[in-house]
Amino acid sequence: MIDIMIIIMILVMYKIKGFGDAHMKVSREQVAEHRSQILAAAARLFRLRGFEEVTVAEVMKDAGLTHGAFYGYFPSKAALIAEAIGCALPPVPDKRPAAEFADSYLSVRHRDNRATSCLFSSLGTEAARGSAELRHRMTEGVRRRIRHLTAEAEGDTPAKKRRAAIAAWSAMVGAMVLARLVDDEKLSKQILTETRASLPWRPSIR
């Protein structure tokens, strides 16, 4: 009888342990999901309104979570900014042809779609005053874009191709900033079209 009771107790303990492991797995998955929701909400709101104007409470509300839970995921708003921007930047080099990328970038659709737009044109000036971690992540993004455009840039040496790529990328970002800034729709569109015309890549056929 005692042996049977011992066996039953052992089985119960294993079941409890199994339940605990499964519960911990679910919890870890939920934490990861919530973290992704926070990062996505932050990146969207920051693009729309800037770092300073968006509060932690607004990010958490947009993510569908409570304000008080924030510090269980991030130590500070600065840490959230750096990670949200890092996650929103393309992690690998762009494989689109340079002409296709330029067409998409210098479009009215991109200009008006701030929530998912280029981080450099929407947040570049603010990021320049941000944390070292934020600036480092943005710098890596700049390097990736320059490498992407260098592959098809004009020039008979690597140095000349890189110079042309830097000039083109700088013109594109600057054009988008100005196109959003001016309150004249005709001028805004002209800034985009004339900048696109100045680039060495012929418009892609759609």
Protein backbone atom coordinates (compact mmCIF):
# COMPACT_ATOMS: atom_id res chain seq x y z
CA MET A 1 0.00 0.00 0.00
CA ILE A 2 2.81 2.40 0.89
CA ASP A 3 4.59 1.58 -2.36
CA ILE A 4 1.45 2.40 -4.35
CA MET A 5 1.09 5.74 -2.53
CA ILE A 6 4.72 6.61 -3.26
CA ILE A 7 4.24 5.84 -6.94
CA ILE A 8 1.11 7.99 -7.06
CA MET A 9 2.95 10.90 -5.37
CA ILE A 10 5.81 10.63 -7.86
CA LEU A 11 3.37 10.70 -10.79
CA VAL A 12 1.60 13.73 -9.37
CA MET A 13 4.91 15.55 -8.92
CA TYR A 14 5.88 14.88 -12.53
CA LYS A 15 2.54 16.18 -13.73
CA ILE A 16 2.94 19.35 -11.66
CA LYS A 17 6.47 19.85 -13.01
CA GLY A 18 5.25 19.31 -16.56
CA PHE A 19 2.49 21.84 -16.07
CA GLY A 20 4.97 24.32 -14.65
CA ASP A 21 7.34 23.90 -17.59
CA ALA A 22 4.49 24.34 -20.07
CA HIS A 23 3.26 27.42 -18.18
CA MET A 24 6.74 28.92 -18.22
CA LYS A 25 7.01 28.27 -21.97
CA VAL A 26 3.69 29.99 -22.60
CA SER A 27 4.76 32.89 -20.41
CA ARG A 28 8.05 33.30 -22.28
CA GLU A 29 6.22 33.24 -25.59
CA GLN A 30 3.74 35.80 -24.32
CA VAL A 31 6.52 38.07 -23.08
CA ALA A 32 8.23 37.89 -26.48
CA GLU A 33 4.94 38.64 -28.23
CA HIS A 34 4.24 41.62 -25.97
CA ARG A 35 7.75 42.94 -26.50
CA SER A 36 7.29 42.78 -30.27
CA GLN A 37 3.96 44.60 -29.95
CA ILE A 38 5.59 47.37 -27.92
CA LEU A 39 8.44 47.78 -30.42
CA ALA A 40 6.08 47.89 -33.40
CA ALA A 41 3.81 50.43 -31.69
CA ALA A 42 6.77 52.59 -30.68
CA ALA A 43 8.30 52.62 -34.17
CA ARG A 44 4.96 53.60 -35.70
CA LEU A 45 4.20 56.38 -33.20
CA PHE A 46 7.75 57.75 -33.26
CA ARG A 47 7.60 58.07 -37.05
CA LEU A 48 4.28 59.86 -36.86
CA ARG A 49 5.02 62.29 -34.03
CA GLY A 50 8.68 62.12 -33.05
CA PHE A 51 10.48 60.84 -29.96
CA GLU A 52 9.68 63.72 -27.63
CA GLU A 53 5.96 63.95 -28.35
CA VAL A 54 5.24 60.26 -27.77
CA THR A 55 4.95 59.09 -24.16
CA VAL A 56 5.57 55.63 -22.77
CA ALA A 57 1.92 55.47 -21.73
CA GLU A 58 0.81 56.10 -25.33
CA VAL A 59 3.11 53.39 -26.65
CA MET A 60 1.81 50.84 -24.17
CA LYS A 61 -1.80 51.77 -24.89
CA ASP A 62 -1.22 51.41 -28.63
CA ALA A 63 0.36 48.01 -27.97
CA GLY A 64 -2.70 46.97 -25.94
CA LEU A 65 -0.79 46.76 -22.65
CA THR A 66 -0.84 48.63 -19.35
CA HIS A 67 1.51 51.52 -18.64
CA GLY A 68 2.80 49.88 -15.46
CA ALA A 69 4.10 46.86 -17.36
CA PHE A 70 6.57 48.91 -19.40
CA TYR A 71 9.56 48.62 -17.08
CA GLY A 72 9.26 44.86 -17.12
CA TYR A 73 10.35 45.04 -20.75
CA PHE A 74 12.64 48.08 -21.02
CA PRO A 75 14.71 49.99 -18.45
CA SER A 76 13.94 53.41 -19.95
CA LYS A 77 12.33 55.26 -22.82
CA ALA A 78 15.78 55.82 -24.34
CA ALA A 79 16.33 52.06 -24.42
CA LEU A 80 12.94 51.61 -26.08
CA ILE A 81 13.78 54.21 -28.72
CA ALA A 82 17.10 52.58 -29.60
CA GLU A 83 15.64 49.09 -29.85
CA ALA A 84 12.49 50.13 -31.69
CA ILE A 85 14.52 51.96 -34.31
CA GLY A 86 17.03 49.12 -34.56
CA CYS A 87 14.24 46.61 -35.16
CA ALA A 88 12.53 48.86 -37.70
CA LEU A 89 15.67 49.25 -39.80
CA PRO A 90 16.16 46.62 -42.53
CA PRO A 91 18.45 43.94 -41.00
CA VAL A 92 19.94 42.86 -44.33
CA PRO A 93 21.04 44.72 -47.45
CA ASP A 94 18.22 45.76 -49.79
CA LYS A 95 18.09 43.55 -52.89
CA ARG A 96 15.90 45.86 -54.97
CA PRO A 97 17.49 47.48 -58.02
CA ALA A 98 18.57 51.04 -57.24
CA ALA A 99 16.10 52.48 -59.76
CA GLU A 100 13.17 50.67 -58.16
CA PHE A 101 14.22 51.79 -54.71
CA ALA A 102 14.58 55.41 -55.84
CA ASP A 103 11.17 55.36 -57.54
CA SER A 104 9.52 54.07 -54.38
CA TYR A 105 11.42 56.36 -52.04
CA LEU A 106 10.79 59.57 -53.95
CA SER A 107 7.06 58.98 -54.31
CA VAL A 108 4.03 60.82 -52.98
CA ARG A 109 2.89 57.57 -51.41
CA HIS A 110 6.07 57.36 -49.34
CA ARG A 111 5.83 61.05 -48.46
CA ASP A 112 2.30 60.65 -47.11
CA ASN A 113 2.74 57.29 -45.37
CA ARG A 114 4.65 58.47 -42.33
CA ALA A 115 3.76 55.53 -40.08
CA THR A 116 5.93 53.12 -42.09
CA SER A 117 8.20 55.61 -43.82
CA CYS A 118 12.00 55.92 -43.91
CA LEU A 119 13.41 56.44 -40.43
CA PHE A 120 16.15 58.75 -41.67
CA SER A 121 13.82 61.30 -43.25
CA SER A 122 11.22 61.11 -40.48
CA LEU A 123 13.46 60.94 -37.41
CA GLY A 124 16.98 61.78 -38.55
CA THR A 125 17.24 65.21 -36.96
CA GLU A 126 15.92 63.93 -33.62
CA ALA A 127 18.12 60.84 -33.72
CA ALA A 128 21.17 63.06 -34.13
CA ARG A 129 20.51 64.26 -30.58
CA GLY A 130 19.72 60.77 -29.30
CA SER A 131 21.67 58.22 -27.30
CA ALA A 132 24.93 56.67 -28.46
CA GLU A 133 23.13 53.35 -28.98
CA LEU A 134 20.46 54.97 -31.15
CA ARG A 135 23.02 56.79 -33.28
CA HIS A 136 25.04 53.60 -33.69
CA ARG A 137 22.00 51.68 -34.94
CA MET A 138 21.14 54.47 -37.36
CA THR A 139 24.74 54.63 -38.54
CA GLU A 140 24.70 50.93 -39.38
CA GLY A 141 21.50 51.51 -41.35
CA VAL A 142 23.17 54.32 -43.31
CA ARG A 143 26.13 52.07 -44.10
CA ARG A 144 23.84 49.31 -45.39
CA ARG A 145 22.01 51.73 -47.67
CA ILE A 146 25.25 53.18 -49.05
CA ARG A 147 26.52 49.68 -49.83
CA HIS A 148 23.22 48.89 -51.54
CA LEU A 149 23.37 51.95 -53.80
CA THR A 150 27.13 51.71 -54.44
CA ALA A 151 26.63 48.47 -56.36
CA GLU A 152 24.85 50.36 -59.17
CA ALA A 153 26.38 53.80 -58.76
CA GLU A 154 28.32 55.55 -61.50
CA GLY A 155 32.10 55.62 -61.38
CA ASP A 156 35.09 53.73 -62.72
CA THR A 157 36.63 53.12 -59.28
CA PRO A 158 35.17 51.86 -55.98
CA ALA A 159 35.84 55.26 -54.38
CA LYS A 160 33.94 57.14 -57.11
CA LYS A 161 31.03 54.71 -56.98
CA ARG A 162 30.82 55.10 -53.20
CA ARG A 163 30.96 58.90 -53.52
CA ALA A 164 28.10 58.84 -56.04
CA ALA A 165 26.05 56.54 -53.79
CA ILE A 166 26.51 58.81 -50.77
CA ALA A 167 25.50 61.85 -52.82
CA ALA A 168 22.41 60.09 -54.19
CA TRP A 169 21.26 58.79 -50.80
CA SER A 170 21.80 62.19 -49.18
CA ALA A 171 19.78 63.86 -51.94
CA MET A 172 16.93 61.38 -51.55
CA VAL A 173 16.65 61.79 -47.77
CA GLY A 174 16.95 65.58 -48.00
CA ALA A 175 14.31 65.71 -50.73
CA MET A 176 11.85 63.73 -48.63
CA VAL A 177 12.39 66.03 -45.64
CA LEU A 178 11.76 69.12 -47.79
CA ALA A 179 8.78 67.58 -49.60
CA ARG A 180 7.10 67.00 -46.26
CA LEU A 181 8.10 70.38 -44.90
CA VAL A 182 6.68 72.73 -47.52
CA ASP A 183 2.99 73.68 -47.48
CA ASP A 184 2.80 73.91 -51.27
CA GLU A 185 1.68 70.62 -52.84
CA LYS A 186 2.96 71.54 -56.29
CA LEU A 187 6.39 72.42 -54.93
CA SER A 188 6.44 69.30 -52.79
CA LYS A 189 5.85 67.07 -55.79
CA GLN A 190 8.39 69.02 -57.81
CA ILE A 191 11.05 68.44 -55.17
CA LEU A 192 10.43 64.71 -55.43
CA THR A 193 10.31 64.50 -59.22
CA GLU A 194 13.29 66.77 -59.86
CA THR A 195 15.43 64.96 -57.32
CA ARG A 196 14.47 61.64 -58.91
CA ALA A 197 15.37 63.03 -62.35
CA SER A 198 18.80 64.07 -61.08
CA LEU A 199 19.72 60.53 -60.04
CA PRO A 200 21.73 58.35 -62.42
CA TRP A 201 19.28 55.43 -62.42
CA ARG A 202 16.58 55.47 -65.07
CA PRO A 203 13.03 55.13 -63.67
CA SER A 204 11.96 51.50 -63.47
CA ILE A 205 9.17 50.28 -65.75
CA ARG A 206 5.96 49.36 -63.92
